[in-house]
Amino acid sequence: MTTLPVWKGTSNTLKAGFTDDLYMSLPKGVGPKLKVAMEARQPLTAPVALGQTVGVLRLTLNGSAVAEFPLQALEEVPQAGILGRAWDSIRLWFR
């Protein structure tokens, strides 16, 4: 589970992870060589629905992709009011 920044929402952060357990079989001794990278869609803007795909978890071995799993929103983030959205829009210009 990770926390991602959210723009133009009632909350500034979003918990993201997996709704189900993930399983993968690997040959013996390969586990330590496996590299894990999480790529989140940025900027992530509200509204964000529960279960919405907000990124991907990539597993690579020796530079080649082994598996990809969708990173999902574990909570909802409704859209902020007009002042909150305007403030975040201004902040995004300077980001």
PDB file of N, CA and C in Angstrom:
ATOM      1  N   MET A   1       0.837  -1.162   0.000  1.00  0.00           N
ATOM      2  CA  MET A   1       0.000   0.000   0.000  1.00  0.00           C
ATOM      3  C   MET A   1       0.891   1.236   0.000  1.00  0.00           C
ATOM      4  N   THR A   2       0.436   2.274  -0.706  1.00  0.00           N
ATOM      5  CA  THR A   2       1.175   3.522  -0.789  1.00  0.00           C
ATOM      6  C   THR A   2       0.203   4.694  -0.733  1.00  0.00           C
ATOM      7  N   THR A   3       0.730   5.874  -0.546  1.00  0.00           N
ATOM      8  CA  THR A   3      -0.080   7.076  -0.528  1.00  0.00           C
ATOM      9  C   THR A   3       0.348   7.962  -1.692  1.00  0.00           C
ATOM     10  N   LEU A   4      -0.624   8.410  -2.482  1.00  0.00           N
ATOM     11  CA  LEU A   4      -0.355   9.242  -3.647  1.00  0.00           C
ATOM     12  C   LEU A   4      -0.955  10.627  -3.460  1.00  0.00           C
ATOM     13  N   PRO A   5      -0.316  11.663  -4.031  1.00  0.00           N
ATOM     14  CA  PRO A   5      -0.911  13.004  -3.962  1.00  0.00           C
ATOM     15  C   PRO A   5      -2.085  13.121  -4.932  1.00  0.00           C
ATOM     16  N   VAL A   6      -3.121  13.840  -4.511  1.00  0.00           N
ATOM     17  CA  VAL A   6      -4.310  14.066  -5.339  1.00  0.00           C
ATOM     18  C   VAL A   6      -4.539  15.569  -5.440  1.00  0.00           C
ATOM     19  N   TRP A   7      -4.880  16.031  -6.606  1.00  0.00           N
ATOM     20  CA  TRP A   7      -5.153  17.439  -6.854  1.00  0.00           C
ATOM     21  C   TRP A   7      -6.655  17.646  -7.056  1.00  0.00           C
ATOM     22  N   LYS A   8      -7.130  18.802  -6.654  1.00  0.00           N
ATOM     23  CA  LYS A   8      -8.511  19.247  -6.863  1.00  0.00           C
ATOM     24  C   LYS A   8      -9.537  18.374  -6.146  1.00  0.00           C
ATOM     25  N   GLY A   9      -9.142  17.745  -5.036  1.00  0.00           N
ATOM     26  CA  GLY A   9     -10.048  16.895  -4.281  1.00  0.00           C
ATOM     27  C   GLY A   9     -10.249  17.382  -2.861  1.00  0.00           C
ATOM     28  N   THR A  10     -11.207  16.777  -2.165  1.00  0.00           N
ATOM     29  CA  THR A  10     -11.460  17.135  -0.770  1.00  0.00           C
ATOM     30  C   THR A  10     -10.332  16.660   0.139  1.00  0.00           C
ATOM     31  N   SER A  11      -9.519  15.742  -0.343  1.00  0.00           N
ATOM     32  CA  SER A  11      -8.343  15.263   0.383  1.00  0.00           C
ATOM     33  C   SER A  11      -7.124  15.461  -0.506  1.00  0.00           C
ATOM     34  N   ASN A  12      -5.958  15.679   0.100  1.00  0.00           N
ATOM     35  CA  ASN A  12      -4.730  15.873  -0.671  1.00  0.00           C
ATOM     36  C   ASN A  12      -3.996  14.577  -0.952  1.00  0.00           C
ATOM     37  N   THR A  13      -4.433  13.484  -0.321  1.00  0.00           N
ATOM     38  CA  THR A  13      -3.761  12.202  -0.503  1.00  0.00           C
ATOM     39  C   THR A  13      -4.780  11.098  -0.769  1.00  0.00           C
ATOM     40  N   LEU A  14      -4.283  10.015  -1.322  1.00  0.00           N
ATOM     41  CA  LEU A  14      -5.099   8.853  -1.653  1.00  0.00           C
ATOM     42  C   LEU A  14      -4.317   7.600  -1.328  1.00  0.00           C
ATOM     43  N   LYS A  15      -4.945   6.660  -0.636  1.00  0.00           N
ATOM     44  CA  LYS A  15      -4.310   5.363  -0.372  1.00  0.00           C
ATOM     45  C   LYS A  15      -4.538   4.483  -1.600  1.00  0.00           C
ATOM     46  N   ALA A  16      -3.461   3.900  -2.091  1.00  0.00           N
ATOM     47  CA  ALA A  16      -3.543   3.045  -3.271  1.00  0.00           C
ATOM     48  C   ALA A  16      -2.846   1.724  -2.980  1.00  0.00           C
ATOM     49  N   GLY A  17      -3.325   0.681  -3.601  1.00  0.00           N
ATOM     50  CA  GLY A  17      -2.748  -0.649  -3.395  1.00  0.00           C
ATOM     51  C   GLY A  17      -3.508  -1.671  -4.213  1.00  0.00           C
ATOM     52  N   PHE A  18      -3.750  -2.826  -3.616  1.00  0.00           N
ATOM     53  CA  PHE A  18      -4.406  -3.921  -4.317  1.00  0.00           C
ATOM     54  C   PHE A  18      -5.611  -4.397  -3.516  1.00  0.00           C
ATOM     55  N   THR A  19      -6.706  -4.658  -4.202  1.00  0.00           N
ATOM     56  CA  THR A  19      -7.914  -5.123  -3.526  1.00  0.00           C
ATOM     57  C   THR A  19      -7.859  -6.625  -3.257  1.00  0.00           C
ATOM     58  N   ASP A  20      -7.027  -7.343  -4.008  1.00  0.00           N
ATOM     59  CA  ASP A  20      -6.866  -8.791  -3.830  1.00  0.00           C
ATOM     60  C   ASP A  20      -5.389  -9.120  -3.632  1.00  0.00           C
ATOM     61  N   ASP A  21      -5.115 -10.289  -3.086  1.00  0.00           N
ATOM     62  CA  ASP A  21      -3.738 -10.740  -2.935  1.00  0.00           C
ATOM     63  C   ASP A  21      -3.144 -11.055  -4.305  1.00  0.00           C
ATOM     64  N   LEU A  22      -1.838 -10.849  -4.441  1.00  0.00           N
ATOM     65  CA  LEU A  22      -1.134 -11.141  -5.687  1.00  0.00           C
ATOM     66  C   LEU A  22      -0.193 -12.316  -5.460  1.00  0.00           C
ATOM     67  N   TYR A  23      -0.191 -13.235  -6.402  1.00  0.00           N
ATOM     68  CA  TYR A  23       0.681 -14.399  -6.311  1.00  0.00           C
ATOM     69  C   TYR A  23       1.474 -14.533  -7.600  1.00  0.00           C
ATOM     70  N   MET A  24       2.712 -15.020  -7.451  1.00  0.00           N
ATOM     71  CA  MET A  24       3.566 -15.201  -8.612  1.00  0.00           C
ATOM     72  C   MET A  24       4.563 -16.311  -8.311  1.00  0.00           C
ATOM     73  N   SER A  25       4.778 -17.190  -9.248  1.00  0.00           N
ATOM     74  CA  SER A  25       5.752 -18.273  -9.085  1.00  0.00           C
ATOM     75  C   SER A  25       7.034 -17.909  -9.815  1.00  0.00           C
ATOM     76  N   LEU A  26       8.159 -18.074  -9.123  1.00  0.00           N
ATOM     77  CA  LEU A  26       9.465 -17.772  -9.699  1.00  0.00           C
ATOM     78  C   LEU A  26      10.405 -18.943  -9.480  1.00  0.00           C
ATOM     79  N   PRO A  27      11.367 -19.120 -10.379  1.00  0.00           N
ATOM     80  CA  PRO A  27      12.368 -20.161 -10.157  1.00  0.00           C
ATOM     81  C   PRO A  27      13.198 -19.859  -8.914  1.00  0.00           C
ATOM     82  N   LYS A  28      13.720 -20.889  -8.313  1.00  0.00           N
ATOM     83  CA  LYS A  28      14.527 -20.742  -7.106  1.00  0.00           C
ATOM     84  C   LYS A  28      15.745 -19.852  -7.379  1.00  0.00           C
ATOM     85  N   GLY A  29      15.998 -18.903  -6.462  1.00  0.00           N
ATOM     86  CA  GLY A  29      17.142 -18.016  -6.568  1.00  0.00           C
ATOM     87  C   GLY A  29      16.923 -16.754  -7.382  1.00  0.00           C
ATOM     88  N   VAL A  30      15.788 -16.626  -8.002  1.00  0.00           N
ATOM     89  CA  VAL A  30      15.509 -15.460  -8.848  1.00  0.00           C
ATOM     90  C   VAL A  30      14.951 -14.297  -8.028  1.00  0.00           C
ATOM     91  N   GLY A  31      14.337 -14.570  -6.902  1.00  0.00           N
ATOM     92  CA  GLY A  31      13.690 -13.548  -6.086  1.00  0.00           C
ATOM     93  C   GLY A  31      14.544 -12.332  -5.782  1.00  0.00           C
ATOM     94  N   PRO A  32      15.795 -12.494  -5.333  1.00  0.00           N
ATOM     95  CA  PRO A  32      16.623 -11.324  -5.025  1.00  0.00           C
ATOM     96  C   PRO A  32      16.968 -10.465  -6.248  1.00  0.00           C
ATOM     97  N   LYS A  33      16.918 -11.038  -7.446  1.00  0.00           N
ATOM     98  CA  LYS A  33      17.236 -10.296  -8.671  1.00  0.00           C
ATOM     99  C   LYS A  33      16.030  -9.539  -9.225  1.00  0.00           C
ATOM    100  N   LEU A  34      14.854  -9.827  -8.710  1.00  0.00           N
ATOM    101  CA  LEU A  34      13.619  -9.210  -9.194  1.00  0.00           C
ATOM    102  C   LEU A  34      13.558  -7.754  -8.749  1.00  0.00           C
ATOM    103  N   LYS A  35      13.245  -6.850  -9.665  1.00  0.00           N
ATOM    104  CA  LYS A  35      13.133  -5.426  -9.345  1.00  0.00           C
ATOM    105  C   LYS A  35      11.670  -5.012  -9.420  1.00  0.00           C
ATOM    106  N   VAL A  36      11.252  -4.228  -8.433  1.00  0.00           N
ATOM    107  CA  VAL A  36       9.865  -3.774  -8.336  1.00  0.00           C
ATOM    108  C   VAL A  36       9.837  -2.264  -8.532  1.00  0.00           C
ATOM    109  N   ALA A  37       8.947  -1.796  -9.412  1.00  0.00           N
ATOM    110  CA  ALA A  37       8.796  -0.360  -9.651  1.00  0.00           C
ATOM    111  C   ALA A  37       7.312  -0.025  -9.711  1.00  0.00           C
ATOM    112  N   MET A  38       6.940   1.033  -8.998  1.00  0.00           N
ATOM    113  CA  MET A  38       5.560   1.492  -9.013  1.00  0.00           C
ATOM    114  C   MET A  38       5.501   2.787  -9.814  1.00  0.00           C
ATOM    115  N   GLU A  39       4.607   2.831 -10.768  1.00  0.00           N
ATOM    116  CA  GLU A  39       4.416   4.034 -11.569  1.00  0.00           C
ATOM    117  C   GLU A  39       2.979   4.492 -11.385  1.00  0.00           C
ATOM    118  N   ALA A  40       2.824   5.685 -10.818  1.00  0.00           N
ATOM    119  CA  ALA A  40       1.498   6.254 -10.594  1.00  0.00           C
ATOM    120  C   ALA A  40       1.226   7.308 -11.656  1.00  0.00           C
ATOM    121  N   ARG A  41      -0.023   7.403 -12.069  1.00  0.00           N
ATOM    122  CA  ARG A  41      -0.429   8.420 -13.030  1.00  0.00           C
ATOM    123  C   ARG A  41      -0.391   9.770 -12.323  1.00  0.00           C
ATOM    124  N   GLN A  42       0.364  10.718 -12.872  1.00  0.00           N
ATOM    125  CA  GLN A  42       0.475  12.043 -12.257  1.00  0.00           C
ATOM    126  C   GLN A  42       0.303  13.120 -13.306  1.00  0.00           C
ATOM    127  N   PRO A  43      -0.323  14.198 -13.051  1.00  0.00           N
ATOM    128  CA  PRO A  43      -1.003  14.490 -11.794  1.00  0.00           C
ATOM    129  C   PRO A  43      -2.331  13.750 -11.716  1.00  0.00           C
ATOM    130  N   LEU A  44      -2.637  13.251 -10.562  1.00  0.00           N
ATOM    131  CA  LEU A  44      -3.873  12.527 -10.297  1.00  0.00           C
ATOM    132  C   LEU A  44      -4.901  13.538  -9.794  1.00  0.00           C
ATOM    133  N   THR A  45      -5.979  13.731 -10.547  1.00  0.00           N
ATOM    134  CA  THR A  45      -6.974  14.731 -10.178  1.00  0.00           C
ATOM    135  C   THR A  45      -8.281  14.066  -9.767  1.00  0.00           C
ATOM    136  N   ALA A  46      -8.959  14.698  -8.811  1.00  0.00           N
ATOM    137  CA  ALA A  46     -10.246  14.219  -8.309  1.00  0.00           C
ATOM    138  C   ALA A  46     -11.321  14.534  -9.338  1.00  0.00           C
ATOM    139  N   PRO A  47     -12.389  13.807  -9.364  1.00  0.00           N
ATOM    140  CA  PRO A  47     -12.787  12.751  -8.438  1.00  0.00           C
ATOM    141  C   PRO A  47     -12.108  11.419  -8.761  1.00  0.00           C
ATOM    142  N   VAL A  48     -11.818  10.666  -7.710  1.00  0.00           N
ATOM    143  CA  VAL A  48     -11.235   9.336  -7.827  1.00  0.00           C
ATOM    144  C   VAL A  48     -12.204   8.362  -7.171  1.00  0.00           C
ATOM    145  N   ALA A  49     -12.607   7.344  -7.915  1.00  0.00           N
ATOM    146  CA  ALA A  49     -13.562   6.350  -7.410  1.00  0.00           C
ATOM    147  C   ALA A  49     -12.825   5.195  -6.740  1.00  0.00           C
ATOM    148  N   LEU A  50     -13.491   4.559  -5.812  1.00  0.00           N
ATOM    149  CA  LEU A  50     -12.964   3.372  -5.150  1.00  0.00           C
ATOM    150  C   LEU A  50     -12.721   2.289  -6.197  1.00  0.00           C
ATOM    151  N   GLY A  51     -11.518   1.727  -6.228  1.00  0.00           N
ATOM    152  CA  GLY A  51     -11.186   0.670  -7.184  1.00  0.00           C
ATOM    153  C   GLY A  51     -10.680   1.168  -8.525  1.00  0.00           C
ATOM    154  N   GLN A  52     -10.640   2.478  -8.724  1.00  0.00           N
ATOM    155  CA  GLN A  52     -10.160   3.044  -9.983  1.00  0.00           C
ATOM    156  C   GLN A  52      -8.663   2.775 -10.130  1.00  0.00           C
ATOM    157  N   THR A  53      -8.217   2.435 -11.332  1.00  0.00           N
ATOM    158  CA  THR A  53      -6.804   2.201 -11.587  1.00  0.00           C
ATOM    159  C   THR A  53      -6.075   3.540 -11.611  1.00  0.00           C
ATOM    160  N   VAL A  54      -5.061   3.677 -10.735  1.00  0.00           N
ATOM    161  CA  VAL A  54      -4.322   4.933 -10.617  1.00  0.00           C
ATOM    162  C   VAL A  54      -2.837   4.761 -10.931  1.00  0.00           C
ATOM    163  N   GLY A  55      -2.440   3.582 -11.327  1.00  0.00           N
ATOM    164  CA  GLY A  55      -1.041   3.333 -11.660  1.00  0.00           C
ATOM    165  C   GLY A  55      -0.804   1.870 -11.941  1.00  0.00           C
ATOM    166  N   VAL A  56       0.453   1.492 -11.952  1.00  0.00           N
ATOM    167  CA  VAL A  56       0.818   0.111 -12.243  1.00  0.00           C
ATOM    168  C   VAL A  56       2.055  -0.281 -11.425  1.00  0.00           C
ATOM    169  N   LEU A  57       2.106  -1.535 -11.013  1.00  0.00           N
ATOM    170  CA  LEU A  57       3.265  -2.098 -10.333  1.00  0.00           C
ATOM    171  C   LEU A  57       3.948  -3.026 -11.332  1.00  0.00           C
ATOM    172  N   ARG A  58       5.207  -2.723 -11.658  1.00  0.00           N
ATOM    173  CA  ARG A  58       5.943  -3.512 -12.647  1.00  0.00           C
ATOM    174  C   ARG A  58       7.035  -4.321 -11.965  1.00  0.00           C
ATOM    175  N   LEU A  59       7.131  -5.584 -12.350  1.00  0.00           N
ATOM    176  CA  LEU A  59       8.192  -6.470 -11.884  1.00  0.00           C
ATOM    177  C   LEU A  59       9.087  -6.790 -13.077  1.00  0.00           C
ATOM    178  N   THR A  60      10.389  -6.540 -12.931  1.00  0.00           N
ATOM    179  CA  THR A  60      11.329  -6.803 -14.016  1.00  0.00           C
ATOM    180  C   THR A  60      12.456  -7.701 -13.527  1.00  0.00           C
ATOM    181  N   LEU A  61      12.994  -8.436 -14.459  1.00  0.00           N
ATOM    182  CA  LEU A  61      14.121  -9.334 -14.186  1.00  0.00           C
ATOM    183  C   LEU A  61      15.118  -9.169 -15.316  1.00  0.00           C
ATOM    184  N   ASN A  62      16.325  -8.726 -14.979  1.00  0.00           N
ATOM    185  CA  ASN A  62      17.383  -8.488 -15.969  1.00  0.00           C
ATOM    186  C   ASN A  62      16.929  -7.556 -17.091  1.00  0.00           C
ATOM    187  N   GLY A  63      16.141  -6.553 -16.748  1.00  0.00           N
ATOM    188  CA  GLY A  63      15.701  -5.550 -17.710  1.00  0.00           C
ATOM    189  C   GLY A  63      14.472  -5.909 -18.513  1.00  0.00           C
ATOM    190  N   SER A  64      13.966  -7.119 -18.400  1.00  0.00           N
ATOM    191  CA  SER A  64      12.760  -7.495 -19.147  1.00  0.00           C
ATOM    192  C   SER A  64      11.577  -7.626 -18.190  1.00  0.00           C
ATOM    193  N   ALA A  65      10.419  -7.212 -18.663  1.00  0.00           N
ATOM    194  CA  ALA A  65       9.210  -7.227 -17.837  1.00  0.00           C
ATOM    195  C   ALA A  65       8.777  -8.663 -17.548  1.00  0.00           C
ATOM    196  N   VAL A  66       8.462  -8.916 -16.281  1.00  0.00           N
ATOM    197  CA  VAL A  66       7.988 -10.227 -15.858  1.00  0.00           C
ATOM    198  C   VAL A  66       6.477 -10.181 -15.646  1.00  0.00           C
ATOM    199  N   ALA A  67       6.008  -9.114 -14.973  1.00  0.00           N
ATOM    200  CA  ALA A  67       4.576  -8.982 -14.693  1.00  0.00           C
ATOM    201  C   ALA A  67       4.225  -7.521 -14.434  1.00  0.00           C
ATOM    202  N   GLU A  68       2.949  -7.199 -14.663  1.00  0.00           N
ATOM    203  CA  GLU A  68       2.405  -5.882 -14.347  1.00  0.00           C
ATOM    204  C   GLU A  68       1.074  -6.076 -13.634  1.00  0.00           C
ATOM    205  N   PHE A  69       0.875  -5.324 -12.562  1.00  0.00           N
ATOM    206  CA  PHE A  69      -0.360  -5.390 -11.800  1.00  0.00           C
ATOM    207  C   PHE A  69      -0.931  -3.986 -11.664  1.00  0.00           C
ATOM    208  N   PRO A  70      -2.241  -3.818 -11.875  1.00  0.00           N
ATOM    209  CA  PRO A  70      -2.836  -2.485 -11.744  1.00  0.00           C
ATOM    210  C   PRO A  70      -2.897  -2.041 -10.285  1.00  0.00           C
ATOM    211  N   LEU A  71      -2.505  -0.803 -10.039  1.00  0.00           N
ATOM    212  CA  LEU A  71      -2.560  -0.180  -8.724  1.00  0.00           C
ATOM    213  C   LEU A  71      -3.912   0.514  -8.611  1.00  0.00           C
ATOM    214  N   GLN A  72      -4.690   0.174  -7.578  1.00  0.00           N
ATOM    215  CA  GLN A  72      -6.060   0.659  -7.471  1.00  0.00           C
ATOM    216  C   GLN A  72      -6.248   1.577  -6.281  1.00  0.00           C
ATOM    217  N   ALA A  73      -7.195   2.497  -6.422  1.00  0.00           N
ATOM    218  CA  ALA A  73      -7.552   3.397  -5.324  1.00  0.00           C
ATOM    219  C   ALA A  73      -8.275   2.600  -4.255  1.00  0.00           C
ATOM    220  N   LEU A  74      -7.828   2.741  -3.008  1.00  0.00           N
ATOM    221  CA  LEU A  74      -8.442   2.017  -1.896  1.00  0.00           C
ATOM    222  C   LEU A  74      -9.458   2.872  -1.155  1.00  0.00           C
ATOM    223  N   GLU A  75      -9.678   4.095  -1.636  1.00  0.00           N
ATOM    224  CA  GLU A  75     -10.669   4.992  -1.046  1.00  0.00           C
ATOM    225  C   GLU A  75     -11.138   5.977  -2.113  1.00  0.00           C
ATOM    226  N   GLU A  76     -12.259   6.612  -1.846  1.00  0.00           N
ATOM    227  CA  GLU A  76     -12.785   7.633  -2.752  1.00  0.00           C
ATOM    228  C   GLU A  76     -12.231   8.995  -2.383  1.00  0.00           C
ATOM    229  N   VAL A  77     -12.033   9.839  -3.389  1.00  0.00           N
ATOM    230  CA  VAL A  77     -11.686  11.234  -3.157  1.00  0.00           C
ATOM    231  C   VAL A  77     -12.636  12.065  -4.019  1.00  0.00           C
ATOM    232  N   PRO A  78     -13.667  12.673  -3.398  1.00  0.00           N
ATOM    233  CA  PRO A  78     -14.587  13.513  -4.167  1.00  0.00           C
ATOM    234  C   PRO A  78     -13.912  14.808  -4.614  1.00  0.00           C
ATOM    235  N   GLN A  79     -14.513  15.419  -5.607  1.00  0.00           N
ATOM    236  CA  GLN A  79     -14.004  16.688  -6.117  1.00  0.00           C
ATOM    237  C   GLN A  79     -14.224  17.790  -5.088  1.00  0.00           C
ATOM    238  N   ALA A  80     -13.263  18.685  -4.957  1.00  0.00           N
ATOM    239  CA  ALA A  80     -13.356  19.805  -4.016  1.00  0.00           C
ATOM    240  C   ALA A  80     -14.302  20.870  -4.568  1.00  0.00           C
ATOM    241  N   GLY A  81     -14.593  21.848  -3.733  1.00  0.00           N
ATOM    242  CA  GLY A  81     -15.411  22.972  -4.173  1.00  0.00           C
ATOM    243  C   GLY A  81     -14.648  23.843  -5.153  1.00  0.00           C
ATOM    244  N   ILE A  82     -15.299  24.871  -5.639  1.00  0.00           N
ATOM    245  CA  ILE A  82     -14.703  25.717  -6.675  1.00  0.00           C
ATOM    246  C   ILE A  82     -13.423  26.401  -6.200  1.00  0.00           C
ATOM    247  N   LEU A  83     -13.363  26.829  -4.945  1.00  0.00           N
ATOM    248  CA  LEU A  83     -12.152  27.485  -4.451  1.00  0.00           C
ATOM    249  C   LEU A  83     -10.991  26.504  -4.327  1.00  0.00           C
ATOM    250  N   GLY A  84     -11.260  25.305  -3.860  1.00  0.00           N
ATOM    251  CA  GLY A  84     -10.222  24.278  -3.747  1.00  0.00           C
ATOM    252  C   GLY A  84      -9.679  23.872  -5.099  1.00  0.00           C
ATOM    253  N   ARG A  85     -10.572  23.723  -6.068  1.00  0.00           N
ATOM    254  CA  ARG A  85     -10.133  23.364  -7.425  1.00  0.00           C
ATOM    255  C   ARG A  85      -9.315  24.495  -8.041  1.00  0.00           C
ATOM    256  N   ALA A  86      -9.753  25.739  -7.836  1.00  0.00           N
ATOM    257  CA  ALA A  86      -9.030  26.884  -8.391  1.00  0.00           C
ATOM    258  C   ALA A  86      -7.633  26.988  -7.785  1.00  0.00           C
ATOM    259  N   TRP A  87      -7.531  26.811  -6.466  1.00  0.00           N
ATOM    260  CA  TRP A  87      -6.236  26.880  -5.789  1.00  0.00           C
ATOM    261  C   TRP A  87      -5.294  25.802  -6.305  1.00  0.00           C
ATOM    262  N   ASP A  88      -5.782  24.573  -6.437  1.00  0.00           N
ATOM    263  CA  ASP A  88      -4.933  23.496  -6.943  1.00  0.00           C
ATOM    264  C   ASP A  88      -4.559  23.717  -8.407  1.00  0.00           C
ATOM    265  N   SER A  89      -5.445  24.325  -9.197  1.00  0.00           N
ATOM    266  CA  SER A  89      -5.117  24.631 -10.591  1.00  0.00           C
ATOM    267  C   SER A  89      -3.948  25.608 -10.663  1.00  0.00           C
ATOM    268  N   ILE A  90      -3.967  26.615  -9.810  1.00  0.00           N
ATOM    269  CA  ILE A  90      -2.867  27.583  -9.764  1.00  0.00           C
ATOM    270  C   ILE A  90      -1.579  26.897  -9.326  1.00  0.00           C
ATOM    271  N   ARG A  91      -1.667  26.055  -8.311  1.00  0.00           N
ATOM    272  CA  ARG A  91      -0.480  25.333  -7.831  1.00  0.00           C
ATOM    273  C   ARG A  91       0.090  24.401  -8.903  1.00  0.00           C
ATOM    274  N   LEU A  92      -0.770  23.808  -9.726  1.00  0.00           N
ATOM    275  CA  LEU A  92      -0.297  22.906 -10.780  1.00  0.00           C
ATOM    276  C   LEU A  92       0.463  23.660 -11.875  1.00  0.00           C
ATOM    277  N   TRP A  93       0.131  24.925 -12.100  1.00  0.00           N
ATOM    278  CA  TRP A  93       0.867  25.722 -13.096  1.00  0.00           C
ATOM    279  C   TRP A  93       2.325  25.855 -12.723  1.00  0.00           C
ATOM    280  N   PHE A  94       2.611  25.966 -11.418  1.00  0.00           N
ATOM    281  CA  PHE A  94       3.975  26.181 -10.961  1.00  0.00           C
ATOM    282  C   PHE A  94       4.687  24.899 -10.569  1.00  0.00           C
ATOM    283  N   ARG A  95       4.081  23.786 -10.791  1.00  0.00           N
ATOM    284  CA  ARG A  95       4.657  22.486 -10.431  1.00  0.00           C
ATOM    285  C   ARG A  95       5.591  22.013 -11.501  1.00  0.00           C
TER     286      ARG A  95
END
